[in-house]
Protein backbone atom coordinates (compact mmCIF):
# COMPACT_ATOMS: atom_id res chain seq x y z
CA MET A 1 -1.78 -27.24 -5.64
CA LYS A 2 1.24 -25.55 -4.00
CA ARG A 3 1.94 -22.01 -5.04
CA THR A 4 5.49 -22.54 -4.78
CA SER A 5 5.17 -25.65 -7.31
CA TYR A 6 3.42 -23.93 -10.10
CA LEU A 7 5.88 -20.64 -9.53
CA TYR A 8 8.58 -23.09 -10.22
CA THR A 9 6.77 -24.44 -13.50
CA LEU A 10 6.33 -20.80 -14.73
CA LEU A 11 9.82 -19.74 -14.07
CA VAL A 12 11.40 -22.73 -16.05
CA ALA A 13 8.77 -22.08 -18.81
CA ALA A 14 9.82 -18.16 -18.94
CA ILE A 15 13.86 -19.47 -18.93
CA LEU A 16 13.13 -22.04 -21.77
CA ALA A 17 11.31 -19.33 -23.58
CA LEU A 18 14.45 -16.99 -23.57
CA GLY A 19 16.82 -20.09 -24.35
CA SER A 20 14.76 -21.68 -27.20
CA CYS A 21 16.29 -21.65 -30.73
CA SER A 22 16.24 -23.83 -33.78
CA SER A 23 19.36 -26.44 -34.20
CA THR A 24 20.55 -28.21 -37.13
CA SER A 25 21.58 -31.88 -37.16
CA SER A 26 25.03 -33.25 -37.16
CA PRO A 27 26.89 -36.43 -37.30
CA ASN A 28 27.28 -36.51 -33.58
CA ALA A 29 23.67 -36.13 -33.15
CA THR A 30 23.36 -38.80 -30.41
CA THR A 31 26.33 -37.38 -28.49
CA ASP A 32 25.30 -33.78 -29.01
CA ALA A 33 21.84 -34.66 -27.75
CA GLY A 34 23.24 -36.49 -24.55
CA ALA A 35 25.34 -33.45 -23.81
CA ASN A 36 22.32 -31.18 -24.56
CA ALA A 37 20.31 -33.02 -22.09
CA VAL A 38 22.95 -32.73 -19.19
CA ALA A 39 23.13 -28.76 -19.98
CA SER A 40 19.63 -28.42 -20.48
CA ALA A 41 19.00 -29.78 -17.14
CA ALA A 42 21.70 -27.66 -15.23
CA ALA A 43 20.60 -24.44 -17.12
CA PRO A 44 16.94 -24.10 -16.08
CA GLU A 45 18.30 -24.65 -12.32
CA ALA A 46 20.82 -21.92 -12.76
CA GLY A 47 18.61 -19.72 -14.63
CA LEU A 48 15.66 -20.29 -12.23
CA GLN A 49 17.38 -19.18 -9.55
CA SER A 50 18.54 -15.84 -11.41
CA ALA A 51 15.10 -15.20 -12.84
CA LYS A 52 13.42 -15.74 -9.21
CA ALA A 53 15.71 -13.45 -7.64
CA SER A 54 15.13 -10.72 -10.22
CA TYR A 55 11.33 -10.81 -10.02
CA ILE A 56 11.38 -10.82 -6.22
CA SER A 57 14.18 -8.01 -5.94
CA TYR A 58 12.69 -5.70 -8.67
CA CYS A 59 8.91 -6.31 -9.16
CA SER A 60 7.32 -8.24 -6.22
CA GLY A 61 7.24 -4.99 -4.24
CA CYS A 62 4.34 -3.43 -6.55
CA HIS A 63 3.14 -6.65 -8.35
CA GLY A 64 3.15 -9.27 -5.23
CA GLU A 65 5.55 -12.30 -5.04
CA GLU A 66 3.27 -14.57 -6.43
CA LEU A 67 1.75 -11.98 -9.01
CA GLU A 68 -1.31 -11.24 -7.27
CA ALA A 69 -1.59 -7.83 -8.39
CA PHE A 70 -2.06 -9.03 -12.09
CA ALA A 71 -5.02 -11.36 -10.95
CA ASP A 72 -7.84 -8.82 -12.33
CA ARG A 73 -5.57 -6.36 -13.95
CA LYS A 74 -7.29 -4.11 -16.29
CA TRP A 75 -4.68 -3.71 -19.19
CA LYS A 76 -4.69 0.18 -19.95
CA HIS A 77 -1.97 -0.14 -22.20
CA GLY A 78 -2.51 -3.54 -23.75
CA SER A 79 -1.77 -7.01 -22.75
CA SER A 80 0.20 -8.57 -25.65
CA ASP A 81 3.71 -9.84 -25.35
CA GLU A 82 4.79 -6.50 -27.08
CA ASP A 83 2.69 -4.05 -24.88
CA LEU A 84 4.31 -6.02 -21.32
CA PHE A 85 7.73 -5.55 -23.23
CA LYS A 86 7.43 -2.02 -23.80
CA ALA A 87 5.98 -1.37 -20.26
CA ILE A 88 9.01 -3.11 -18.62
CA LYS A 89 11.57 -1.54 -20.92
CA HIS A 90 10.52 1.85 -21.13
CA GLY A 91 8.07 2.27 -18.17
CA TYR A 92 5.12 4.77 -17.62
CA PRO A 93 6.58 7.01 -15.12
CA ASP A 94 3.41 8.91 -14.77
CA GLU A 95 1.88 5.85 -13.15
CA GLY A 96 4.52 4.80 -11.20
CA MET A 97 5.92 2.33 -13.36
CA PRO A 98 9.62 2.85 -13.92
CA ALA A 99 11.81 1.89 -16.70
CA PHE A 100 14.10 -1.15 -16.58
CA ASP A 101 15.93 -0.71 -19.86
CA GLU A 102 19.15 -0.17 -18.14
CA THR A 103 18.52 -3.02 -15.37
CA PHE A 104 17.48 -5.97 -17.61
CA THR A 105 18.81 -6.99 -21.08
CA ASP A 106 15.83 -7.42 -24.04
CA GLU A 107 16.18 -11.04 -23.48
CA GLU A 108 15.62 -11.15 -19.70
CA ILE A 109 12.50 -8.70 -20.25
CA LYS A 110 10.87 -11.44 -22.46
CA GLY A 111 11.49 -13.81 -19.87
CA LEU A 112 9.81 -11.53 -17.46
CA VAL A 113 6.69 -11.21 -20.09
CA ALA A 114 6.40 -14.74 -20.37
CA TYR A 115 6.47 -15.40 -16.85
CA ILE A 116 3.78 -12.82 -16.12
CA LYS A 117 1.46 -13.99 -18.84
CA GLU A 118 1.48 -17.45 -17.89
CA GLY A 119 1.39 -16.61 -14.09
CA ILE A 120 -1.79 -14.50 -14.62
CA LYS A 121 -3.62 -17.61 -15.52
CA GLU A 122 -2.75 -19.78 -12.70
CA VAL A 123 -3.44 -16.76 -10.10
CA LYS A 124 -6.77 -16.38 -11.62
CA ALA A 125 -7.49 -20.21 -11.02
CA TYR A 126 -5.93 -20.13 -7.46
CA ASP A 127 -8.24 -19.79 -4.67
CA PHE A 128 -6.20 -17.86 -2.08
CA THR A 129 -9.06 -18.38 0.43
CA GLU A 130 -8.03 -22.02 0.97
CA GLU A 131 -4.60 -20.96 2.15
CA ARG A 132 -6.16 -18.27 4.60
CA SER A 133 -8.48 -21.10 6.07
CA GLN A 134 -6.07 -23.95 6.47
CA ALA A 135 -5.62 -23.21 10.03
CA ALA A 136 -8.66 -22.80 12.23
CA VAL A 137 -6.35 -21.72 15.22
CA GLN A 138 -3.73 -19.03 14.35
CA GLN A 139 -0.69 -18.92 16.81
CA SER A 140 1.66 -16.02 17.95
CA GLU A 141 4.34 -16.05 20.39
CA ASP A 142 1.67 -14.84 23.01
CA LEU A 143 -1.74 -15.93 22.34
CA ASN A 144 -3.88 -17.83 20.22
CA PHE A 145 -6.53 -16.60 17.97
CA ARG A 146 -8.73 -17.39 14.97
CA LEU A 147 -9.93 -15.41 11.90
CA ASP A 148 -13.52 -14.35 11.52
CA THR A 149 -14.69 -13.29 8.03
CA VAL A 150 -16.80 -10.10 8.65
CA VAL A 151 -17.36 -8.70 5.39
CA THR A 152 -17.20 -10.10 1.79
CA GLY A 153 -17.83 -8.55 -1.79
CA LEU A 154 -15.58 -5.85 -1.75
CA ASP A 155 -12.86 -4.89 -4.41
CA VAL A 156 -10.11 -3.08 -2.84
CA PRO A 157 -11.30 -2.08 0.58
CA TRP A 158 -9.16 0.92 1.69
CA GLY A 159 -10.25 2.44 4.82
CA MET A 160 -12.63 1.70 7.59
CA ALA A 161 -14.55 3.53 10.44
CA PHE A 162 -16.50 2.33 13.09
CA LEU A 163 -20.04 3.73 13.62
CA PRO A 164 -22.27 3.55 16.65
CA GLN A 165 -24.63 0.46 17.15
CA GLY A 166 -21.81 -1.71 15.98
CA GLU A 167 -21.89 -0.73 12.07
CA MET A 168 -18.78 0.07 9.73
CA LEU A 169 -18.29 2.54 7.09
CA ILE A 170 -15.82 1.11 4.31
CA THR A 171 -14.26 2.98 1.44
CA ASP A 172 -13.59 0.93 -1.85
CA ARG A 173 -10.84 2.09 -3.85
CA SER A 174 -13.26 1.89 -6.83
CA GLY A 175 -15.05 4.76 -5.52
CA VAL A 176 -18.02 3.40 -3.52
CA LEU A 177 -18.59 3.95 0.12
CA TYR A 178 -20.27 1.33 1.87
CA ARG A 179 -22.30 0.88 5.22
CA PHE A 180 -21.92 -2.57 6.95
CA THR A 181 -25.06 -3.04 8.87
CA GLN A 182 -26.14 -4.58 12.15
CA LYS A 183 -27.74 -7.12 9.84
CA LYS A 184 -24.51 -7.83 8.22
CA GLN A 185 -25.66 -6.26 5.02
CA LEU A 186 -23.21 -4.22 2.62
CA GLN A 187 -25.27 -0.97 1.42
CA GLU A 188 -23.91 1.52 -0.92
CA ILE A 189 -23.92 5.12 0.37
CA THR A 190 -24.59 7.79 -2.45
CA GLY A 191 -23.32 11.39 -2.74
CA GLY A 192 -19.89 10.64 -2.34
CA PRO A 193 -17.10 12.51 -4.35
CA LYS A 194 -16.18 11.49 -8.02
CA VAL A 195 -12.93 10.06 -7.91
CA LEU A 196 -10.21 9.08 -10.24
CA ALA A 197 -9.69 5.33 -9.92
CA GLN A 198 -6.67 4.73 -11.76
CA GLY A 199 -3.27 3.48 -10.55
CA GLN A 200 -3.28 3.77 -6.70
CA GLY A 201 -5.90 6.49 -6.93
CA GLY A 202 -9.64 6.19 -5.93
CA LEU A 203 -11.73 6.33 -2.82
CA LEU A 204 -9.34 6.20 -0.01
CA ASP A 205 -9.71 6.67 3.73
CA VAL A 206 -12.50 7.70 5.77
CA GLU A 207 -12.57 9.26 9.45
CA LEU A 208 -15.57 10.21 11.69
CA HIS A 209 -15.89 13.78 13.27
CA PRO A 210 -15.08 13.34 17.09
CA ASN A 211 -18.67 14.71 17.62
CA PHE A 212 -20.26 12.23 15.04
CA ALA A 213 -22.71 11.04 17.35
CA LYS A 214 -24.18 14.40 17.58
CA ASN A 215 -23.36 15.87 14.07
CA ASN A 216 -23.17 12.79 11.46
CA ILE A 217 -20.00 14.41 10.09
CA ILE A 218 -17.66 12.22 8.04
CA TYR A 219 -14.48 13.04 5.86
CA LEU A 220 -13.16 11.27 3.17
CA SER A 221 -9.86 11.55 1.27
CA TYR A 222 -9.55 10.73 -2.60
CA SER A 223 -8.06 11.32 -6.04
CA ALA A 224 -9.69 14.40 -7.12
CA PHE A 225 -9.21 15.32 -10.78
CA LYS A 226 -9.68 17.79 -13.43
CA GLU A 227 -9.17 18.24 -17.13
CA GLU A 228 -6.51 20.90 -18.24
CA GLY A 229 -4.84 21.43 -21.51
CA GLY A 230 -5.85 18.02 -22.87
CA ASN A 231 -4.66 16.29 -19.85
CA THR A 232 -6.43 14.53 -16.98
CA LEU A 233 -4.39 16.05 -13.79
CA SER A 234 -5.18 14.70 -10.10
CA THR A 235 -4.44 15.35 -6.59
CA THR A 236 -5.38 14.24 -2.79
CA ALA A 237 -8.55 15.88 -1.60
CA VAL A 238 -10.75 15.87 1.13
CA MET A 239 -14.46 16.06 1.54
CA ARG A 240 -16.52 16.73 4.72
CA ALA A 241 -20.19 15.46 4.49
CA LYS A 242 -23.13 14.93 6.56
CA LEU A 243 -24.35 11.18 6.58
CA GLU A 244 -28.14 10.93 6.50
CA GLY A 245 -29.05 7.34 6.32
CA ASN A 246 -27.42 6.13 3.17
CA LYS A 247 -26.76 9.19 1.53
CA LEU A 248 -24.23 11.94 2.09
CA THR A 249 -25.60 15.64 2.20
CA ASN A 250 -23.84 19.24 2.51
CA GLN A 251 -20.89 18.11 0.79
CA GLN A 252 -17.76 20.40 0.82
CA VAL A 253 -14.34 20.01 -0.58
CA ILE A 254 -12.20 21.18 2.39
CA PHE A 255 -8.56 20.43 1.29
CA GLU A 256 -6.70 20.04 -2.13
CA ALA A 257 -2.91 19.42 -2.36
CA LEU A 258 -1.72 21.97 -5.12
CA PRO A 259 -0.34 21.25 -7.66
CA TYR A 260 -2.59 18.92 -9.50
CA SER A 261 -0.57 16.40 -11.51
CA ARG A 262 -0.35 14.06 -14.20
CA THR A 263 0.86 11.02 -12.07
CA ARG A 264 -1.31 8.23 -10.73
CA HIS A 265 0.50 7.32 -7.82
CA HIS A 266 1.77 8.35 -4.24
CA TYR A 267 -1.79 9.78 -3.04
CA GLY A 268 -0.97 8.80 0.57
CA SER A 269 -3.71 9.11 2.20
CA ARG A 270 -4.56 8.65 5.75
CA LEU A 271 -6.87 11.06 7.91
CA GLU A 272 -6.59 11.19 11.91
CA PHE A 273 -7.97 13.43 14.33
CA GLY A 274 -5.64 14.57 16.86
CA ARG A 275 -6.26 15.31 20.55
CA ASP A 276 -6.14 18.82 19.35
CA GLY A 277 -9.27 18.41 17.68
CA TYR A 278 -7.48 19.00 14.09
CA ILE A 279 -7.49 16.63 11.28
CA TYR A 280 -3.85 15.45 10.36
CA LEU A 281 -3.74 14.29 6.72
CA SER A 282 -1.05 12.49 4.61
CA VAL A 283 -0.18 13.41 1.04
CA GLY A 284 2.35 11.26 -0.87
CA ASP A 285 4.79 13.01 -3.03
CA ARG A 286 2.70 12.18 -6.36
CA GLY A 287 5.88 10.30 -7.81
CA ASN A 288 7.80 13.95 -8.05
CA HIS A 289 10.46 13.53 -5.67
CA ASP A 290 12.71 16.20 -7.11
CA GLU A 291 10.10 19.04 -6.33
CA ASN A 292 7.39 18.00 -3.77
CA PRO A 293 8.83 16.76 -0.57
CA GLN A 294 11.40 19.23 0.12
CA SER A 295 9.49 22.20 -1.16
CA LEU A 296 7.56 23.97 1.51
CA GLU A 297 5.65 26.01 -1.48
CA ARG A 298 3.81 22.61 -2.88
CA GLY A 299 1.37 20.48 -0.83
CA PRO A 300 2.70 16.91 -1.98
CA GLY A 301 5.05 14.92 0.19
CA LYS A 302 3.49 16.39 3.50
CA VAL A 303 1.47 15.80 6.36
CA HIS A 304 -1.16 18.74 6.74
CA ARG A 305 -3.08 19.92 9.71
CA ILE A 306 -6.28 21.58 9.17
CA LYS A 307 -9.32 22.55 11.50
CA ASP A 308 -12.39 20.23 11.02
CA ASP A 309 -13.85 22.91 8.52
CA GLY A 310 -10.86 22.91 6.56
CA SER A 311 -9.44 26.20 7.90
CA THR A 312 -5.93 26.50 9.23
CA PRO A 313 -4.81 26.46 12.70
CA ALA A 314 -3.02 29.74 13.73
CA ASP A 315 -0.09 27.61 15.19
CA ASN A 316 0.58 25.46 12.21
CA PRO A 317 4.68 25.62 11.81
CA PHE A 318 4.77 27.69 8.51
CA VAL A 319 1.65 29.59 8.74
CA ASN A 320 3.65 32.98 8.51
CA GLN A 321 6.47 32.04 6.23
CA ALA A 322 6.06 33.57 2.72
CA GLY A 323 5.20 31.25 -0.02
CA ALA A 324 4.83 28.27 2.22
CA VAL A 325 1.69 26.00 2.18
CA ALA A 326 0.09 27.15 5.66
CA SER A 327 -1.55 23.62 6.40
CA THR A 328 1.87 22.00 6.26
CA TYR A 329 2.82 20.14 9.56
CA SER A 330 5.74 17.92 8.60
CA TYR A 331 7.58 17.47 5.14
CA GLY A 332 10.00 15.19 3.46
CA HIS A 333 7.33 12.41 3.21
CA ARG A 334 7.19 9.94 0.41
CA ASN A 335 4.09 8.17 0.74
CA ILE A 336 2.59 7.82 4.22
CA GLN A 337 -0.46 5.02 4.20
CA GLY A 338 -0.55 4.42 7.72
CA MET A 339 -1.37 7.03 10.73
CA VAL A 340 -2.56 6.51 14.13
CA LEU A 341 -3.30 8.33 17.40
CA HIS A 342 -1.08 6.91 20.00
CA PRO A 343 -3.76 5.79 22.87
CA GLN A 344 -1.55 7.04 25.62
CA THR A 345 0.84 9.93 24.72
CA GLY A 346 -1.49 11.35 22.07
CA GLU A 347 1.24 11.62 19.66
CA ILE A 348 0.51 11.10 15.96
CA TRP A 349 2.28 8.24 14.32
CA THR A 350 2.79 7.04 10.82
CA HIS A 351 4.42 4.65 8.50
CA GLU A 352 5.48 5.38 5.11
CA HIS A 353 6.51 3.48 1.97
CA GLY A 354 10.02 3.45 1.14
CA PRO A 355 11.52 2.96 -2.55
CA ARG A 356 12.99 -0.40 -2.69
CA GLY A 357 13.87 -0.58 0.78
CA GLY A 358 13.43 2.02 3.65
CA ASP A 359 9.89 1.85 4.70
CA GLU A 360 9.46 3.73 7.86
CA VAL A 361 7.75 4.08 11.20
CA ASN A 362 7.92 7.86 12.43
CA VAL A 363 6.43 9.96 15.33
CA LEU A 364 5.22 13.21 13.79
CA GLU A 365 6.70 16.50 15.45
CA LYS A 366 5.92 19.85 14.30
CA GLY A 367 7.63 21.38 11.35
CA LYS A 368 9.89 18.57 11.32
CA ASN A 369 11.77 17.41 7.99
CA TYR A 370 11.84 13.70 7.57
CA GLY A 371 14.36 13.70 4.85
CA TRP A 372 12.87 12.19 1.76
CA PRO A 373 14.45 12.24 -0.84
CA VAL A 374 17.68 13.46 0.54
CA ILE A 375 18.07 10.50 3.00
CA SER A 376 16.75 7.08 2.71
CA TYR A 377 17.47 3.55 3.61
CA GLY A 378 16.20 2.27 -0.01
CA ILE A 379 17.26 2.67 -3.56
CA ASN A 380 15.22 2.96 -6.94
CA TYR A 381 13.05 0.29 -8.07
CA ASN A 382 15.08 0.04 -11.15
CA GLY A 383 18.23 -0.79 -8.85
CA THR A 384 20.05 2.58 -9.19
CA VAL A 385 21.17 4.63 -5.96
CA LEU A 386 18.70 7.34 -5.37
CA THR A 387 20.96 8.96 -2.39
CA GLU A 388 23.85 7.78 -0.60
CA LEU A 389 22.87 9.31 2.73
CA THR A 390 21.03 7.69 5.53
CA LYS A 391 21.46 10.52 7.93
CA LYS A 392 21.73 14.09 7.72
CA GLU A 393 21.67 17.08 10.06
CA GLY A 394 18.25 18.53 10.47
CA MET A 395 16.41 15.62 9.15
CA GLU A 396 14.70 12.95 11.17
CA GLN A 397 15.58 9.30 11.54
CA PRO A 398 12.86 6.86 11.72
CA LEU A 399 12.06 4.78 14.85
CA HIS A 400 12.09 1.60 12.65
CA TYR A 401 12.60 0.75 9.03
CA TRP A 402 12.32 -2.25 6.71
CA VAL A 403 14.81 -3.48 4.25
CA PRO A 404 13.52 -5.08 2.16
CA SER A 405 10.19 -3.06 1.82
CA ILE A 406 7.13 -4.76 2.99
CA GLY A 407 4.77 -2.13 1.52
CA PRO A 408 3.06 -1.07 4.89
CA SER A 409 -0.54 0.10 4.75
CA GLY A 410 -2.92 0.54 7.84
CA MET A 411 -1.70 0.57 11.05
CA ALA A 412 -3.36 0.32 14.77
CA PHE A 413 -2.21 0.33 18.45
CA VAL A 414 -3.49 -2.56 20.45
CA THR A 415 -5.62 -1.55 23.50
CA GLY A 416 -8.17 -2.80 25.88
CA ASP A 417 -7.50 -6.26 27.28
CA ARG A 418 -8.87 -8.82 24.58
CA TYR A 419 -5.36 -9.65 23.18
CA LYS A 420 -3.11 -10.71 26.25
CA GLY A 421 0.59 -9.99 25.69
CA TRP A 422 -0.20 -7.53 22.65
CA GLU A 423 -0.96 -4.74 24.97
CA GLY A 424 0.22 -1.52 23.42
CA ASP A 425 2.00 -3.28 20.40
CA LEU A 426 1.66 -1.77 16.94
CA MET A 427 -0.13 -3.69 14.31
CA VAL A 428 1.14 -2.75 10.46
CA GLY A 429 -0.47 -4.67 7.27
CA SER A 430 1.94 -5.70 4.59
CA LEU A 431 0.93 -5.29 1.13
CA ARG A 432 4.09 -6.96 -0.51
CA PHE A 433 4.50 -9.73 1.71
CA GLN A 434 0.94 -10.05 2.57
CA PHE A 435 1.08 -10.56 6.62
CA LEU A 436 0.31 -8.57 9.43
CA SER A 437 3.17 -7.13 11.26
CA ARG A 438 3.18 -7.07 15.09
CA LEU A 439 5.52 -4.58 16.37
CA MET A 440 6.66 -5.28 20.00
CA MET A 441 6.57 -2.33 22.06
CA ASP A 442 7.97 -0.90 25.24
CA GLY A 443 6.99 2.82 25.35
CA ASN A 444 7.96 4.48 22.22
CA LYS A 445 10.89 1.82 21.60
CA ILE A 446 10.16 -0.84 19.06
CA LEU A 447 11.79 -4.19 20.38
CA GLY A 448 11.01 -6.67 17.86
CA GLU A 449 8.82 -7.84 15.14
CA GLU A 450 6.43 -10.79 14.67
CA LYS A 451 5.18 -11.63 11.31
CA LEU A 452 1.19 -12.80 11.74
CA LEU A 453 -1.17 -14.47 9.08
CA LYS A 454 1.27 -15.07 6.57
CA ASN A 455 -0.47 -15.18 3.04
CA ILE A 456 -3.53 -13.54 4.42
CA GLY A 457 -3.76 -11.34 1.23
CA ARG A 458 -2.26 -7.72 0.63
CA VAL A 459 -3.42 -6.16 3.88
CA ARG A 460 -4.83 -2.54 3.13
CA ASP A 461 -6.14 -1.52 6.60
CA VAL A 462 -5.75 -2.34 10.35
CA LYS A 463 -8.26 -0.93 12.73
CA MET A 464 -8.97 -1.51 16.62
CA SER A 465 -13.09 -1.32 17.09
CA PRO A 466 -14.92 0.04 19.74
CA ASP A 467 -15.91 -3.79 20.53
CA GLY A 468 -12.25 -4.28 21.34
CA TYR A 469 -11.29 -6.67 18.25
CA LEU A 470 -8.54 -6.02 15.70
CA TYR A 471 -10.00 -5.72 12.00
CA VAL A 472 -8.04 -6.36 9.12
CA ALA A 473 -9.07 -5.33 5.48
CA VAL A 474 -7.35 -7.34 2.57
CA GLU A 475 -7.47 -7.26 -1.33
CA SER A 476 -7.76 -10.00 -3.79
CA PRO A 477 -10.47 -10.88 -3.18
CA GLY A 478 -11.85 -7.79 -0.80
CA LEU A 479 -12.54 -9.28 2.70
CA ILE A 480 -12.49 -7.92 6.13
CA TYR A 481 -11.65 -10.31 8.99
CA ARG A 482 -11.83 -9.83 12.88
CA LEU A 483 -8.99 -11.39 14.92
CA VAL A 484 -10.82 -13.30 17.96
CA PRO A 485 -8.75 -14.63 20.76
CA VAL A 486 -8.95 -18.10 21.62
CA GLU A 487 -7.94 -20.29 24.69
C-alpha cells in the first residue's frame, strides 16, 4: 500500500469529520441531494489541499510528514480527542510544543486531531523497511551504492563511536549504551549516567578520547536532572568514564550547562575533539531564546570548549570576562545537533536547527555570535514572526541554510577513496524529510545539494568509520546502515 494513498484517505476523513452535521428533509430532497453530491465532491478536494498544506507547514517538522513520530508515542498528557485538542490549542511550552490557538480555528484543530488519531493506526501497521529495501542499488549523481543493514534492535540511536578491532559504541536515547561486537552482537554497557529520557532528552552523544587505545576513556553527553521545589529540572551534561569490558568505571561529571530548566527540549548535544586536544560540545537554548543564547552568563545556547578533564582552557574567549561562563567558545546558537572536525583545515563545523525554516551550517570561530534569536531565516512554528532580521553587524552569517527546515542531525565529511566523486563532501541527516543530504563542497564553499536515501527514516547520526565507510543511524525502527559503493 502506498503511503500517499492512505494519507489522502485520512485527510478526506478529517475534512469530513469537520463538515459532518445533521440535516432535515425538504420537498426538494432529490434536487438537494444532487446538489449536495456535487458540492461534497468538490469540498473534500479543496479542503484536502488546505489541510495537507497546514499539516506539512506547521506540524511535520517535529512529527514527520507521514506521522512517523506518533507511531510508538507514549501519551504523557493523554490520547483522547479532548487531550489532543488541548495539546494543539494550548501547547506544552516546557516540552517544546507551541500553542496554535491563534493559528487554527477550533474546527481546524478538530480536523488535525482526527487526522492524527486515524493516521497513527496506519503508521503502526506500515512496514517502513519495505520502502527502504525497494531498490537494491541506490543511485546518485556520481556513484551507485547499496545499503547494508549493520545493526538492528535499537530504539532511537543517537550517537556512534568506532572502537578498535571494528567494534562500535552506540547511544540509545532511552538511556542505554551499547557495544556492537565483532560477532555482530548488541551488548549493553552498564555504569552509564542516569538520564531524563523525556521529550528530546536522554542519552545523547558519545566520543572517544584521542588516546582511547591507551586509556579507554570515553565521553557521554546526556540530559541530567534533579528535583527542586517539587519540579524536575534538567540540563545538558557530560560524563567522562573508563570503558572496561562492558562496564563503565571512574565516572566523573565534568560539565553541566547552568541553569537547569523545566523544559524538555533543545539539549543539543554533540561532542567533538579539536586538533588542540580540547572537547567542543554543543548545548541548545533549552527553549528559552529570550534569555539563554545571547547571555554570556548562561550556559545554554552555546558551544563550550573544555579540557579532557573538564577544566577550562586559559585561552577561551570569555575566560576573563566578569560573570561570563568561562567554558563558552561561541554563542547565539539555537540547537546544534551536528558537529564535525574538518579533515583538512581542522576547523569545527556545525549545523543547527532553525525554527520553521533557517536550519544552518556554520564554521565555528572563537568568541563569535551566531545570532539566534536576533537574526534568523525562519519563523515561529505557529507561523508568527520571531524577528524581521536575517543579518546584523557583529553576527555571523551561515555558510548554508535550509528553508523549509529539514531537521538536520548528524554530519560527516567524506574521507578516503571509497566514494568516488563524493570526496570532501559534507553529509547531513534529515529528521523531517528522512533523507541523507549530500552537500557538494569546493573548499569551504557549498556548491549544491543532492538528496539521497529518500524515505530512509528519521536520520539521527552520520559517521565516517575507520574502515572508510559511511554509517547512517535512523529511527523508527532503530537501525544502522552502511553505504557500500557498487560498480
